[in-house]
Amino acid sequence: MIENEAGIYFDFNDPVITEPSVLVAEFSTGVEEHGAEVMIIFPNPTMGIITLTGAELIDARVLSLDGKLLYTARSATKPIATIDLSGLSPGTYLLEGKSADGNRRTVRFTKL
């Protein structure tokens, strides 16, 4: 809760003090956990090949920071373990992965 008053000045007269203003901030600055499974990619930054751990991904998409789809990897038989991104230009990208249970996870990474 933040309380504040203001003094309004007219020329050289005494200030007119306003009624207290109260702001109640009701929002969380924490990070929500959507399950125990966390997706980790390494190395980050990468020169090209990244390794995925933690999540059993069957679908992975690489997006530019403005949301443009750049690369898609799918596997129907086994989880995706590595992705070769050596064809990407240097920059920062998002890797969005989907596991077999339908959960989606997103990680930001840098390509050197």
N, C-alpha and C. Protein backbone atom coordinates (compact mmCIF):
# COMPACT_ATOMS: atom_id res chain seq x y z
N MET A 1 0.85 -1.16 0.00
CA MET A 1 0.00 0.00 0.00
C MET A 1 0.90 1.23 0.00
N ILE A 2 0.61 2.15 -0.91
CA ILE A 2 1.38 3.39 -1.02
C ILE A 2 0.43 4.55 -0.78
N GLU A 3 0.76 5.41 0.19
CA GLU A 3 -0.04 6.59 0.49
C GLU A 3 0.76 7.83 0.12
N ASN A 4 0.05 8.86 -0.39
CA ASN A 4 0.73 10.07 -0.79
C ASN A 4 -0.21 11.26 -0.69
N GLU A 5 0.35 12.41 -0.38
CA GLU A 5 -0.37 13.67 -0.39
C GLU A 5 0.38 14.62 -1.32
N ALA A 6 -0.34 15.62 -1.81
CA ALA A 6 0.30 16.60 -2.70
C ALA A 6 0.02 17.99 -2.18
N GLY A 7 0.97 18.88 -2.42
CA GLY A 7 0.79 20.29 -2.09
C GLY A 7 0.71 21.07 -3.39
N ILE A 8 -0.43 21.75 -3.61
CA ILE A 8 -0.62 22.53 -4.83
C ILE A 8 -0.37 23.99 -4.50
N TYR A 9 0.55 24.59 -5.23
CA TYR A 9 0.95 25.97 -4.98
C TYR A 9 0.34 26.90 -6.03
N PHE A 10 -0.27 28.00 -5.56
CA PHE A 10 -0.79 29.05 -6.41
C PHE A 10 -0.03 30.33 -6.07
N ASP A 11 0.80 30.76 -6.99
CA ASP A 11 1.63 31.96 -6.80
C ASP A 11 2.46 31.80 -5.53
N PHE A 12 2.36 32.80 -4.62
CA PHE A 12 3.16 32.74 -3.39
C PHE A 12 2.31 32.42 -2.17
N ASN A 13 1.11 31.92 -2.39
CA ASN A 13 0.21 31.57 -1.29
C ASN A 13 0.64 30.24 -0.67
N ASP A 14 0.08 29.97 0.52
CA ASP A 14 0.35 28.69 1.17
C ASP A 14 -0.18 27.56 0.29
N PRO A 15 0.45 26.38 0.34
CA PRO A 15 -0.01 25.27 -0.52
C PRO A 15 -1.37 24.74 -0.07
N VAL A 16 -2.13 24.24 -1.04
CA VAL A 16 -3.37 23.54 -0.77
C VAL A 16 -3.02 22.06 -0.72
N ILE A 17 -3.22 21.44 0.43
CA ILE A 17 -2.86 20.04 0.62
C ILE A 17 -4.04 19.17 0.20
N THR A 18 -3.78 18.19 -0.67
CA THR A 18 -4.84 17.31 -1.15
C THR A 18 -5.13 16.22 -0.13
N GLU A 19 -6.25 15.55 -0.33
CA GLU A 19 -6.58 14.39 0.49
C GLU A 19 -5.56 13.29 0.19
N PRO A 20 -5.27 12.44 1.15
CA PRO A 20 -4.30 11.34 0.88
C PRO A 20 -4.81 10.43 -0.23
N SER A 21 -3.91 10.10 -1.11
CA SER A 21 -4.20 9.14 -2.18
C SER A 21 -3.60 7.81 -1.77
N VAL A 22 -4.36 6.74 -1.93
CA VAL A 22 -3.88 5.42 -1.51
C VAL A 22 -3.88 4.50 -2.73
N LEU A 23 -2.75 3.89 -3.00
CA LEU A 23 -2.63 2.90 -4.08
C LEU A 23 -2.35 1.56 -3.44
N VAL A 24 -3.20 0.60 -3.72
CA VAL A 24 -3.00 -0.75 -3.23
C VAL A 24 -2.58 -1.60 -4.42
N ALA A 25 -1.32 -2.04 -4.43
CA ALA A 25 -0.79 -2.86 -5.52
C ALA A 25 -1.07 -4.32 -5.20
N GLU A 26 -1.91 -4.94 -6.03
CA GLU A 26 -2.29 -6.33 -5.80
C GLU A 26 -1.85 -7.19 -6.98
N PHE A 27 -0.56 -7.35 -7.11
CA PHE A 27 -0.04 -8.19 -8.17
C PHE A 27 1.21 -8.89 -7.66
N SER A 28 1.50 -10.01 -8.25
CA SER A 28 2.66 -10.79 -7.85
C SER A 28 3.80 -10.54 -8.81
N THR A 29 5.00 -10.47 -8.27
CA THR A 29 6.17 -10.34 -9.12
C THR A 29 6.93 -11.66 -9.19
N GLY A 30 6.32 -12.73 -8.71
CA GLY A 30 6.97 -14.04 -8.73
C GLY A 30 6.78 -14.74 -10.07
N VAL A 31 7.45 -15.84 -10.21
CA VAL A 31 7.36 -16.66 -11.42
C VAL A 31 6.54 -17.89 -11.10
N GLU A 32 5.53 -18.15 -11.92
CA GLU A 32 4.68 -19.31 -11.70
C GLU A 32 5.37 -20.57 -12.21
N GLU A 33 5.28 -21.61 -11.45
CA GLU A 33 5.76 -22.91 -11.87
C GLU A 33 4.58 -23.70 -12.38
N HIS A 34 4.67 -24.23 -13.60
CA HIS A 34 3.56 -24.99 -14.18
C HIS A 34 3.83 -26.48 -14.15
N GLY A 35 4.63 -26.91 -13.25
CA GLY A 35 4.94 -28.33 -13.15
C GLY A 35 6.40 -28.49 -12.75
N ALA A 36 6.74 -29.68 -12.37
CA ALA A 36 8.10 -29.95 -11.90
C ALA A 36 9.08 -30.04 -13.05
N GLU A 37 8.59 -30.32 -14.24
CA GLU A 37 9.46 -30.53 -15.38
C GLU A 37 9.93 -29.19 -15.95
N VAL A 38 11.24 -28.99 -16.02
CA VAL A 38 11.83 -27.77 -16.52
C VAL A 38 12.68 -28.10 -17.74
N MET A 39 12.60 -27.28 -18.76
CA MET A 39 13.40 -27.50 -19.95
C MET A 39 14.69 -26.68 -19.84
N ILE A 40 15.81 -27.36 -20.05
CA ILE A 40 17.12 -26.70 -20.01
C ILE A 40 17.80 -26.96 -21.34
N ILE A 41 18.40 -25.90 -21.91
CA ILE A 41 19.18 -26.09 -23.13
C ILE A 41 20.61 -25.65 -22.85
N PHE A 42 21.56 -26.37 -23.44
CA PHE A 42 22.96 -25.99 -23.30
C PHE A 42 23.72 -26.46 -24.53
N PRO A 43 24.82 -25.84 -24.90
CA PRO A 43 25.36 -24.62 -24.28
C PRO A 43 24.52 -23.41 -24.69
N ASN A 44 24.52 -22.43 -23.86
CA ASN A 44 23.81 -21.19 -24.13
C ASN A 44 24.67 -20.04 -23.64
N PRO A 45 25.29 -19.29 -24.53
CA PRO A 45 25.11 -19.21 -25.98
C PRO A 45 25.70 -20.42 -26.70
N THR A 46 25.23 -20.63 -27.93
CA THR A 46 25.64 -21.79 -28.70
C THR A 46 26.27 -21.37 -30.02
N MET A 47 27.10 -22.25 -30.55
CA MET A 47 27.65 -22.05 -31.89
C MET A 47 26.78 -22.73 -32.93
N GLY A 48 25.87 -23.63 -32.49
CA GLY A 48 25.01 -24.30 -33.46
C GLY A 48 24.19 -25.43 -32.88
N ILE A 49 24.82 -26.42 -32.27
CA ILE A 49 24.09 -27.58 -31.76
C ILE A 49 23.75 -27.34 -30.29
N ILE A 50 22.44 -27.49 -29.97
CA ILE A 50 22.02 -27.37 -28.58
C ILE A 50 21.50 -28.71 -28.11
N THR A 51 21.67 -28.95 -26.83
CA THR A 51 21.19 -30.18 -26.19
C THR A 51 20.05 -29.80 -25.26
N LEU A 52 18.98 -30.58 -25.31
CA LEU A 52 17.80 -30.33 -24.48
C LEU A 52 17.75 -31.36 -23.36
N THR A 53 17.53 -30.90 -22.14
CA THR A 53 17.38 -31.81 -21.01
C THR A 53 16.18 -31.39 -20.17
N GLY A 54 15.73 -32.30 -19.35
CA GLY A 54 14.66 -32.01 -18.40
C GLY A 54 13.29 -32.36 -18.91
N ALA A 55 12.93 -31.92 -20.08
CA ALA A 55 11.59 -32.15 -20.62
C ALA A 55 11.65 -33.18 -21.73
N GLU A 56 10.67 -34.03 -21.80
CA GLU A 56 10.56 -35.04 -22.86
C GLU A 56 9.83 -34.42 -24.04
N LEU A 57 10.54 -33.65 -24.83
CA LEU A 57 9.93 -32.90 -25.92
C LEU A 57 9.69 -33.77 -27.14
N ILE A 58 8.51 -33.62 -27.73
CA ILE A 58 8.22 -34.29 -29.00
C ILE A 58 8.08 -33.27 -30.13
N ASP A 59 8.02 -31.98 -29.77
CA ASP A 59 7.87 -30.92 -30.75
C ASP A 59 8.67 -29.72 -30.26
N ALA A 60 9.49 -29.15 -31.13
CA ALA A 60 10.27 -27.98 -30.76
C ALA A 60 10.21 -26.98 -31.91
N ARG A 61 10.03 -25.71 -31.55
CA ARG A 61 10.00 -24.65 -32.55
C ARG A 61 10.96 -23.56 -32.13
N VAL A 62 11.72 -23.03 -33.10
CA VAL A 62 12.60 -21.90 -32.85
C VAL A 62 11.94 -20.68 -33.47
N LEU A 63 11.80 -19.64 -32.64
CA LEU A 63 11.15 -18.41 -33.07
C LEU A 63 12.10 -17.23 -32.90
N SER A 64 11.96 -16.25 -33.79
CA SER A 64 12.68 -15.00 -33.58
C SER A 64 11.96 -14.25 -32.45
N LEU A 65 12.58 -13.21 -31.92
CA LEU A 65 11.97 -12.50 -30.81
C LEU A 65 10.68 -11.79 -31.20
N ASP A 66 10.46 -11.56 -32.49
CA ASP A 66 9.20 -10.96 -32.93
C ASP A 66 8.14 -12.01 -33.26
N GLY A 67 8.43 -13.30 -32.98
CA GLY A 67 7.45 -14.37 -33.13
C GLY A 67 7.47 -15.11 -34.45
N LYS A 68 8.39 -14.78 -35.33
CA LYS A 68 8.47 -15.45 -36.64
C LYS A 68 9.04 -16.87 -36.46
N LEU A 69 8.33 -17.87 -37.04
CA LEU A 69 8.77 -19.26 -36.95
C LEU A 69 9.96 -19.47 -37.88
N LEU A 70 11.08 -19.98 -37.33
CA LEU A 70 12.31 -20.16 -38.10
C LEU A 70 12.69 -21.62 -38.31
N TYR A 71 12.29 -22.48 -37.37
CA TYR A 71 12.72 -23.88 -37.43
C TYR A 71 11.74 -24.73 -36.64
N THR A 72 11.46 -25.93 -37.14
CA THR A 72 10.58 -26.87 -36.44
C THR A 72 11.23 -28.24 -36.41
N ALA A 73 11.16 -28.90 -35.26
CA ALA A 73 11.65 -30.28 -35.11
C ALA A 73 10.54 -31.09 -34.45
N ARG A 74 10.25 -32.25 -35.03
CA ARG A 74 9.23 -33.14 -34.46
C ARG A 74 9.76 -34.56 -34.40
N SER A 75 9.31 -35.29 -33.39
CA SER A 75 9.69 -36.69 -33.26
C SER A 75 8.50 -37.46 -32.70
N ALA A 76 8.06 -38.46 -33.41
CA ALA A 76 6.92 -39.25 -32.96
C ALA A 76 7.35 -40.45 -32.12
N THR A 77 8.62 -40.85 -32.22
CA THR A 77 9.05 -42.07 -31.56
C THR A 77 9.87 -41.87 -30.30
N LYS A 78 10.69 -40.85 -30.25
CA LYS A 78 11.55 -40.62 -29.07
C LYS A 78 11.66 -39.14 -28.80
N PRO A 79 11.97 -38.75 -27.57
CA PRO A 79 12.11 -37.33 -27.24
C PRO A 79 13.26 -36.69 -28.03
N ILE A 80 13.09 -35.44 -28.35
CA ILE A 80 14.14 -34.67 -29.05
C ILE A 80 15.25 -34.39 -28.05
N ALA A 81 16.48 -34.75 -28.39
CA ALA A 81 17.61 -34.56 -27.48
C ALA A 81 18.55 -33.45 -27.94
N THR A 82 18.75 -33.32 -29.26
CA THR A 82 19.62 -32.28 -29.79
C THR A 82 18.98 -31.64 -31.01
N ILE A 83 19.35 -30.40 -31.26
CA ILE A 83 18.89 -29.67 -32.44
C ILE A 83 20.09 -28.94 -33.03
N ASP A 84 20.28 -29.06 -34.34
CA ASP A 84 21.37 -28.36 -35.03
C ASP A 84 20.82 -27.04 -35.56
N LEU A 85 21.29 -25.95 -34.98
CA LEU A 85 20.84 -24.62 -35.37
C LEU A 85 21.96 -23.82 -36.01
N SER A 86 22.93 -24.51 -36.60
CA SER A 86 24.07 -23.81 -37.19
C SER A 86 23.67 -22.94 -38.38
N GLY A 87 22.50 -23.18 -38.97
CA GLY A 87 22.04 -22.36 -40.10
C GLY A 87 21.44 -21.02 -39.69
N LEU A 88 21.23 -20.80 -38.39
CA LEU A 88 20.67 -19.53 -37.94
C LEU A 88 21.73 -18.44 -37.90
N SER A 89 21.32 -17.23 -38.17
CA SER A 89 22.21 -16.07 -38.03
C SER A 89 22.46 -15.80 -36.56
N PRO A 90 23.58 -15.17 -36.21
CA PRO A 90 23.82 -14.82 -34.81
C PRO A 90 22.70 -13.91 -34.29
N GLY A 91 22.28 -14.17 -33.05
CA GLY A 91 21.23 -13.37 -32.44
C GLY A 91 20.57 -14.10 -31.28
N THR A 92 19.51 -13.53 -30.76
CA THR A 92 18.77 -14.10 -29.65
C THR A 92 17.46 -14.67 -30.18
N TYR A 93 17.12 -15.88 -29.74
CA TYR A 93 15.95 -16.60 -30.23
C TYR A 93 15.18 -17.21 -29.06
N LEU A 94 13.98 -17.71 -29.36
CA LEU A 94 13.18 -18.45 -28.40
C LEU A 94 13.02 -19.88 -28.87
N LEU A 95 13.18 -20.82 -27.96
CA LEU A 95 12.92 -22.23 -28.25
C LEU A 95 11.66 -22.60 -27.48
N GLU A 96 10.62 -22.96 -28.22
CA GLU A 96 9.36 -23.37 -27.60
C GLU A 96 9.22 -24.87 -27.79
N GLY A 97 9.10 -25.58 -26.68
CA GLY A 97 8.99 -27.03 -26.74
C GLY A 97 7.67 -27.51 -26.21
N LYS A 98 7.17 -28.61 -26.79
CA LYS A 98 5.92 -29.22 -26.32
C LYS A 98 6.22 -30.66 -25.96
N SER A 99 5.82 -31.07 -24.77
CA SER A 99 6.03 -32.44 -24.31
C SER A 99 4.83 -33.30 -24.68
N ALA A 100 4.96 -34.60 -24.49
CA ALA A 100 3.90 -35.54 -24.84
C ALA A 100 2.61 -35.29 -24.07
N ASP A 101 2.72 -34.74 -22.86
CA ASP A 101 1.52 -34.46 -22.06
C ASP A 101 0.86 -33.13 -22.44
N GLY A 102 1.41 -32.43 -23.46
CA GLY A 102 0.80 -31.20 -23.96
C GLY A 102 1.31 -29.93 -23.33
N ASN A 103 2.18 -30.03 -22.31
CA ASN A 103 2.74 -28.83 -21.69
C ASN A 103 3.73 -28.16 -22.61
N ARG A 104 3.70 -26.83 -22.62
CA ARG A 104 4.64 -26.05 -23.43
C ARG A 104 5.60 -25.30 -22.52
N ARG A 105 6.84 -25.23 -22.96
CA ARG A 105 7.87 -24.51 -22.23
C ARG A 105 8.64 -23.67 -23.23
N THR A 106 9.11 -22.50 -22.79
CA THR A 106 9.85 -21.61 -23.68
C THR A 106 11.13 -21.18 -22.98
N VAL A 107 12.24 -21.21 -23.74
CA VAL A 107 13.55 -20.80 -23.24
C VAL A 107 14.16 -19.86 -24.25
N ARG A 108 14.80 -18.81 -23.76
CA ARG A 108 15.51 -17.88 -24.66
C ARG A 108 16.97 -18.32 -24.74
N PHE A 109 17.54 -18.26 -25.94
CA PHE A 109 18.95 -18.62 -26.11
C PHE A 109 19.59 -17.70 -27.13
N THR A 110 20.91 -17.71 -27.15
CA THR A 110 21.68 -16.87 -28.06
C THR A 110 22.53 -17.73 -28.96
N LYS A 111 22.50 -17.42 -30.25
CA LYS A 111 23.32 -18.09 -31.25
C LYS A 111 24.47 -17.15 -31.58
N LEU A 112 25.70 -17.66 -31.45
CA LEU A 112 26.89 -16.84 -31.74
C LEU A 112 27.28 -16.97 -33.20
